[in-house]
Amino acid sequence: MSRRPASASPSHRAERVGEAVRHALADVLARGDVPDPDLARWPVTVIDVKMTPDLKVARALIVPLGGKNGKEALAALNAQRKAIRHVVSQRINLKFAPELKFVLDEGFTARLRIDTLLRSPAVARDLSPSDDAPDEDGES
């Protein structure tokens, strides 16, 4: 029996289960199925869920609404992790309910920062065609 290397991509089953957990988790959080004022105060978007190969741990990448207050939203989710796990497990059909780990998606913040930079007036000025540049026919 051969084992997959640790760097191998996740199995198709792990991807399908991760997507099912993501949908269930997003639904639970959007509907407020876990009554907690802190969860309601810090709404989040579930970007992705990565499953371990044994499907026992689900690592949920989250982004707070508006991209702000990430630490507060993460603290609220971690405080209610067991209750959220219980409700999510009722919505998906797995032998074991995966342990939930919440992680801020730093990539989203970086993409937002790059997008803001690209929209800045200085970059727009540098990207706009200048009057001195030759046109397509090679004439200026």
C-alpha atoms as a PDB file:
ATOM      1  CA  MET A   1       0.000   0.000   0.000  1.00  0.00           C
ATOM      2  CA  SER A   2       1.530   3.311  -1.060  1.00  0.00           C
ATOM      3  CA  ARG A   3       1.131   6.491   0.923  1.00  0.00           C
ATOM      4  CA  ARG A   4       0.666   9.856  -0.692  1.00  0.00           C
ATOM      5  CA  PRO A   5       3.406  12.388  -0.035  1.00  0.00           C
ATOM      6  CA  ALA A   6       2.510  15.193   2.368  1.00  0.00           C
ATOM      7  CA  SER A   7       2.824  17.765  -0.428  1.00  0.00           C
ATOM      8  CA  ALA A   8       0.296  16.011  -2.656  1.00  0.00           C
ATOM      9  CA  SER A   9      -2.927  17.801  -3.450  1.00  0.00           C
ATOM     10  CA  PRO A  10      -6.007  16.860  -1.435  1.00  0.00           C
ATOM     11  CA  SER A  11      -8.101  13.949  -2.586  1.00  0.00           C
ATOM     12  CA  HIS A  12     -11.300  14.518  -4.478  1.00  0.00           C
ATOM     13  CA  ARG A  13     -13.242  13.244  -1.456  1.00  0.00           C
ATOM     14  CA  ALA A  14     -11.513  15.727   0.873  1.00  0.00           C
ATOM     15  CA  GLU A  15     -12.342  18.541  -1.561  1.00  0.00           C
ATOM     16  CA  ARG A  16     -16.011  17.477  -1.766  1.00  0.00           C
ATOM     17  CA  VAL A  17     -16.310  17.183   2.010  1.00  0.00           C
ATOM     18  CA  GLY A  18     -14.574  20.544   2.456  1.00  0.00           C
ATOM     19  CA  GLU A  19     -17.044  22.166   0.092  1.00  0.00           C
ATOM     20  CA  ALA A  20     -19.988  20.559   1.914  1.00  0.00           C
ATOM     21  CA  VAL A  21     -18.639  21.799   5.252  1.00  0.00           C
ATOM     22  CA  ARG A  22     -18.114  25.276   3.760  1.00  0.00           C
ATOM     23  CA  HIS A  23     -21.720  25.444   2.550  1.00  0.00           C
ATOM     24  CA  ALA A  24     -23.078  24.185   5.881  1.00  0.00           C
ATOM     25  CA  LEU A  25     -20.842  26.530   7.865  1.00  0.00           C
ATOM     26  CA  ALA A  26     -21.773  29.553   5.746  1.00  0.00           C
ATOM     27  CA  ASP A  27     -25.463  28.687   6.108  1.00  0.00           C
ATOM     28  CA  VAL A  28     -25.200  28.247   9.885  1.00  0.00           C
ATOM     29  CA  LEU A  29     -23.416  31.565  10.288  1.00  0.00           C
ATOM     30  CA  ALA A  30     -25.710  33.456   7.900  1.00  0.00           C
ATOM     31  CA  ARG A  31     -28.898  32.199   9.565  1.00  0.00           C
ATOM     32  CA  GLY A  32     -27.623  32.754  13.087  1.00  0.00           C
ATOM     33  CA  ASP A  33     -28.288  29.141  14.079  1.00  0.00           C
ATOM     34  CA  VAL A  34     -25.849  29.537  16.965  1.00  0.00           C
ATOM     35  CA  PRO A  35     -27.386  32.320  19.036  1.00  0.00           C
ATOM     36  CA  ASP A  36     -24.494  34.500  20.123  1.00  0.00           C
ATOM     37  CA  PRO A  37     -24.455  38.303  20.020  1.00  0.00           C
ATOM     38  CA  ASP A  38     -20.716  38.337  19.244  1.00  0.00           C
ATOM     39  CA  LEU A  39     -21.227  36.158  16.151  1.00  0.00           C
ATOM     40  CA  ALA A  40     -24.012  38.477  15.020  1.00  0.00           C
ATOM     41  CA  ARG A  41     -21.818  41.527  15.644  1.00  0.00           C
ATOM     42  CA  TRP A  42     -18.914  40.216  13.532  1.00  0.00           C
ATOM     43  CA  PRO A  43     -20.358  38.643  10.350  1.00  0.00           C
ATOM     44  CA  VAL A  44     -17.887  36.679   8.251  1.00  0.00           C
ATOM     45  CA  THR A  45     -17.572  35.122   4.816  1.00  0.00           C
ATOM     46  CA  VAL A  46     -16.297  31.566   4.632  1.00  0.00           C
ATOM     47  CA  ILE A  47     -13.820  31.620   1.740  1.00  0.00           C
ATOM     48  CA  ASP A  48     -12.708  27.987   1.774  1.00  0.00           C
ATOM     49  CA  VAL A  49     -12.552  24.888   3.959  1.00  0.00           C
ATOM     50  CA  LYS A  50      -9.519  22.607   3.783  1.00  0.00           C
ATOM     51  CA  MET A  51      -9.946  19.096   5.175  1.00  0.00           C
ATOM     52  CA  THR A  52      -7.198  16.892   6.546  1.00  0.00           C
ATOM     53  CA  PRO A  53      -6.814  13.610   4.622  1.00  0.00           C
ATOM     54  CA  ASP A  54      -8.576  11.686   7.407  1.00  0.00           C
ATOM     55  CA  LEU A  55     -11.489  14.211   7.293  1.00  0.00           C
ATOM     56  CA  LYS A  56     -11.264  14.801  11.049  1.00  0.00           C
ATOM     57  CA  VAL A  57     -10.198  18.467  10.965  1.00  0.00           C
ATOM     58  CA  ALA A  58     -11.712  21.238   8.867  1.00  0.00           C
ATOM     59  CA  ARG A  59      -9.648  24.419   8.537  1.00  0.00           C
ATOM     60  CA  ALA A  60     -12.041  27.233   7.599  1.00  0.00           C
ATOM     61  CA  LEU A  61     -10.577  30.329   5.943  1.00  0.00           C
ATOM     62  CA  ILE A  62     -12.727  33.300   6.908  1.00  0.00           C
ATOM     63  CA  VAL A  63     -12.856  36.989   6.092  1.00  0.00           C
ATOM     64  CA  PRO A  64     -14.847  39.407   8.241  1.00  0.00           C
ATOM     65  CA  LEU A  65     -17.398  41.502   6.410  1.00  0.00           C
ATOM     66  CA  GLY A  66     -15.642  44.622   5.161  1.00  0.00           C
ATOM     67  CA  GLY A  67     -12.239  43.095   5.889  1.00  0.00           C
ATOM     68  CA  LYS A  68     -12.044  44.721   9.334  1.00  0.00           C
ATOM     69  CA  ASN A  69     -12.210  43.408  12.913  1.00  0.00           C
ATOM     70  CA  GLY A  70     -10.691  40.076  11.961  1.00  0.00           C
ATOM     71  CA  LYS A  71      -9.335  39.306  15.427  1.00  0.00           C
ATOM     72  CA  GLU A  72     -12.697  39.991  17.062  1.00  0.00           C
ATOM     73  CA  ALA A  73     -14.558  37.837  14.530  1.00  0.00           C
ATOM     74  CA  LEU A  74     -12.021  35.034  14.965  1.00  0.00           C
ATOM     75  CA  ALA A  75     -12.382  35.213  18.762  1.00  0.00           C
ATOM     76  CA  ALA A  76     -16.197  35.044  18.480  1.00  0.00           C
ATOM     77  CA  LEU A  77     -15.995  32.007  16.187  1.00  0.00           C
ATOM     78  CA  ASN A  78     -13.492  30.231  18.417  1.00  0.00           C
ATOM     79  CA  ALA A  79     -15.613  30.894  21.511  1.00  0.00           C
ATOM     80  CA  GLN A  80     -18.551  29.106  19.852  1.00  0.00           C
ATOM     81  CA  ARG A  81     -16.539  26.486  17.950  1.00  0.00           C
ATOM     82  CA  LYS A  82     -18.155  23.479  19.670  1.00  0.00           C
ATOM     83  CA  ALA A  83     -21.695  24.761  19.178  1.00  0.00           C
ATOM     84  CA  ILE A  84     -20.983  25.579  15.530  1.00  0.00           C
ATOM     85  CA  ARG A  85     -19.468  22.114  15.032  1.00  0.00           C
ATOM     86  CA  HIS A  86     -22.591  20.500  16.474  1.00  0.00           C
ATOM     87  CA  VAL A  87     -24.962  22.412  14.180  1.00  0.00           C
ATOM     88  CA  VAL A  88     -22.755  21.871  11.098  1.00  0.00           C
ATOM     89  CA  SER A  89     -22.524  18.131  11.842  1.00  0.00           C
ATOM     90  CA  GLN A  90     -26.316  17.891  11.767  1.00  0.00           C
ATOM     91  CA  ARG A  91     -26.324  19.267   8.215  1.00  0.00           C
ATOM     92  CA  ILE A  92     -23.677  17.052   6.661  1.00  0.00           C
ATOM     93  CA  ASN A  93     -23.664  13.284   6.445  1.00  0.00           C
ATOM     94  CA  LEU A  94     -20.324  12.142   7.836  1.00  0.00           C
ATOM     95  CA  LYS A  95     -19.394   9.364  10.215  1.00  0.00           C
ATOM     96  CA  PHE A  96     -17.506  11.847  12.423  1.00  0.00           C
ATOM     97  CA  ALA A  97     -18.077  15.566  12.802  1.00  0.00           C
ATOM     98  CA  PRO A  98     -14.824  17.304  11.855  1.00  0.00           C
ATOM     99  CA  GLU A  99     -13.126  19.547  14.387  1.00  0.00           C
ATOM    100  CA  LEU A 100     -13.396  23.150  13.181  1.00  0.00           C
ATOM    101  CA  LYS A 101     -10.396  25.457  13.108  1.00  0.00           C
ATOM    102  CA  PHE A 102     -10.954  29.038  12.027  1.00  0.00           C
ATOM    103  CA  VAL A 103      -8.184  30.993  10.294  1.00  0.00           C
ATOM    104  CA  LEU A 104      -8.181  34.506   8.870  1.00  0.00           C
ATOM    105  CA  ASP A 105      -7.599  34.501   5.115  1.00  0.00           C
ATOM    106  CA  GLU A 106      -4.578  36.789   4.863  1.00  0.00           C
ATOM    107  CA  GLY A 107      -4.560  36.371   1.088  1.00  0.00           C
ATOM    108  CA  PHE A 108      -7.836  38.258   0.841  1.00  0.00           C
ATOM    109  CA  THR A 109      -6.369  41.210   2.733  1.00  0.00           C
ATOM    110  CA  ALA A 110      -3.309  41.208   0.484  1.00  0.00           C
ATOM    111  CA  ARG A 111      -5.487  41.117  -2.657  1.00  0.00           C
ATOM    112  CA  LEU A 112      -7.573  43.994  -1.305  1.00  0.00           C
ATOM    113  CA  ARG A 113      -4.415  46.036  -0.603  1.00  0.00           C
ATOM    114  CA  ILE A 114      -3.069  45.367  -4.118  1.00  0.00           C
ATOM    115  CA  ASP A 115      -6.409  46.286  -5.665  1.00  0.00           C
ATOM    116  CA  THR A 116      -6.412  49.566  -3.723  1.00  0.00           C
ATOM    117  CA  LEU A 117      -2.887  50.303  -4.926  1.00  0.00           C
ATOM    118  CA  LEU A 118      -3.791  49.578  -8.536  1.00  0.00           C
ATOM    119  CA  ARG A 119      -6.725  51.991  -8.317  1.00  0.00           C
ATOM    120  CA  SER A 120      -4.624  54.798  -6.839  1.00  0.00           C
ATOM    121  CA  PRO A 121      -4.204  57.952  -8.968  1.00  0.00           C
ATOM    122  CA  ALA A 122      -0.415  57.531  -9.206  1.00  0.00           C
ATOM    123  CA  VAL A 123      -0.686  54.051 -10.701  1.00  0.00           C
ATOM    124  CA  ALA A 124      -3.569  55.071 -12.963  1.00  0.00           C
ATOM    125  CA  ARG A 125      -1.429  57.927 -14.271  1.00  0.00           C
ATOM    126  CA  ASP A 126       1.451  55.549 -14.999  1.00  0.00           C
ATOM    127  CA  LEU A 127      -0.832  53.063 -16.747  1.00  0.00           C
ATOM    128  CA  SER A 128      -2.679  55.572 -18.935  1.00  0.00           C
ATOM    129  CA  PRO A 129      -1.374  55.950 -22.514  1.00  0.00           C
ATOM    130  CA  SER A 130       0.749  59.075 -22.855  1.00  0.00           C
ATOM    131  CA  ASP A 131       0.412  61.619 -25.646  1.00  0.00           C
ATOM    132  CA  ASP A 132       4.079  61.135 -26.603  1.00  0.00           C
ATOM    133  CA  ALA A 133       3.751  57.401 -27.273  1.00  0.00           C
ATOM    134  CA  PRO A 134       3.542  56.324 -30.921  1.00  0.00           C
ATOM    135  CA  ASP A 135       0.219  54.889 -32.044  1.00  0.00           C
ATOM    136  CA  GLU A 136      -0.205  51.435 -33.572  1.00  0.00           C
ATOM    137  CA  ASP A 137       1.067  52.536 -37.018  1.00  0.00           C
ATOM    138  CA  GLY A 138       4.380  53.609 -35.494  1.00  0.00           C
ATOM    139  CA  GLU A 139       3.623  57.274 -36.068  1.00  0.00           C
ATOM    140  CA  SER A 140       3.745  59.821 -33.261  1.00  0.00           C
END
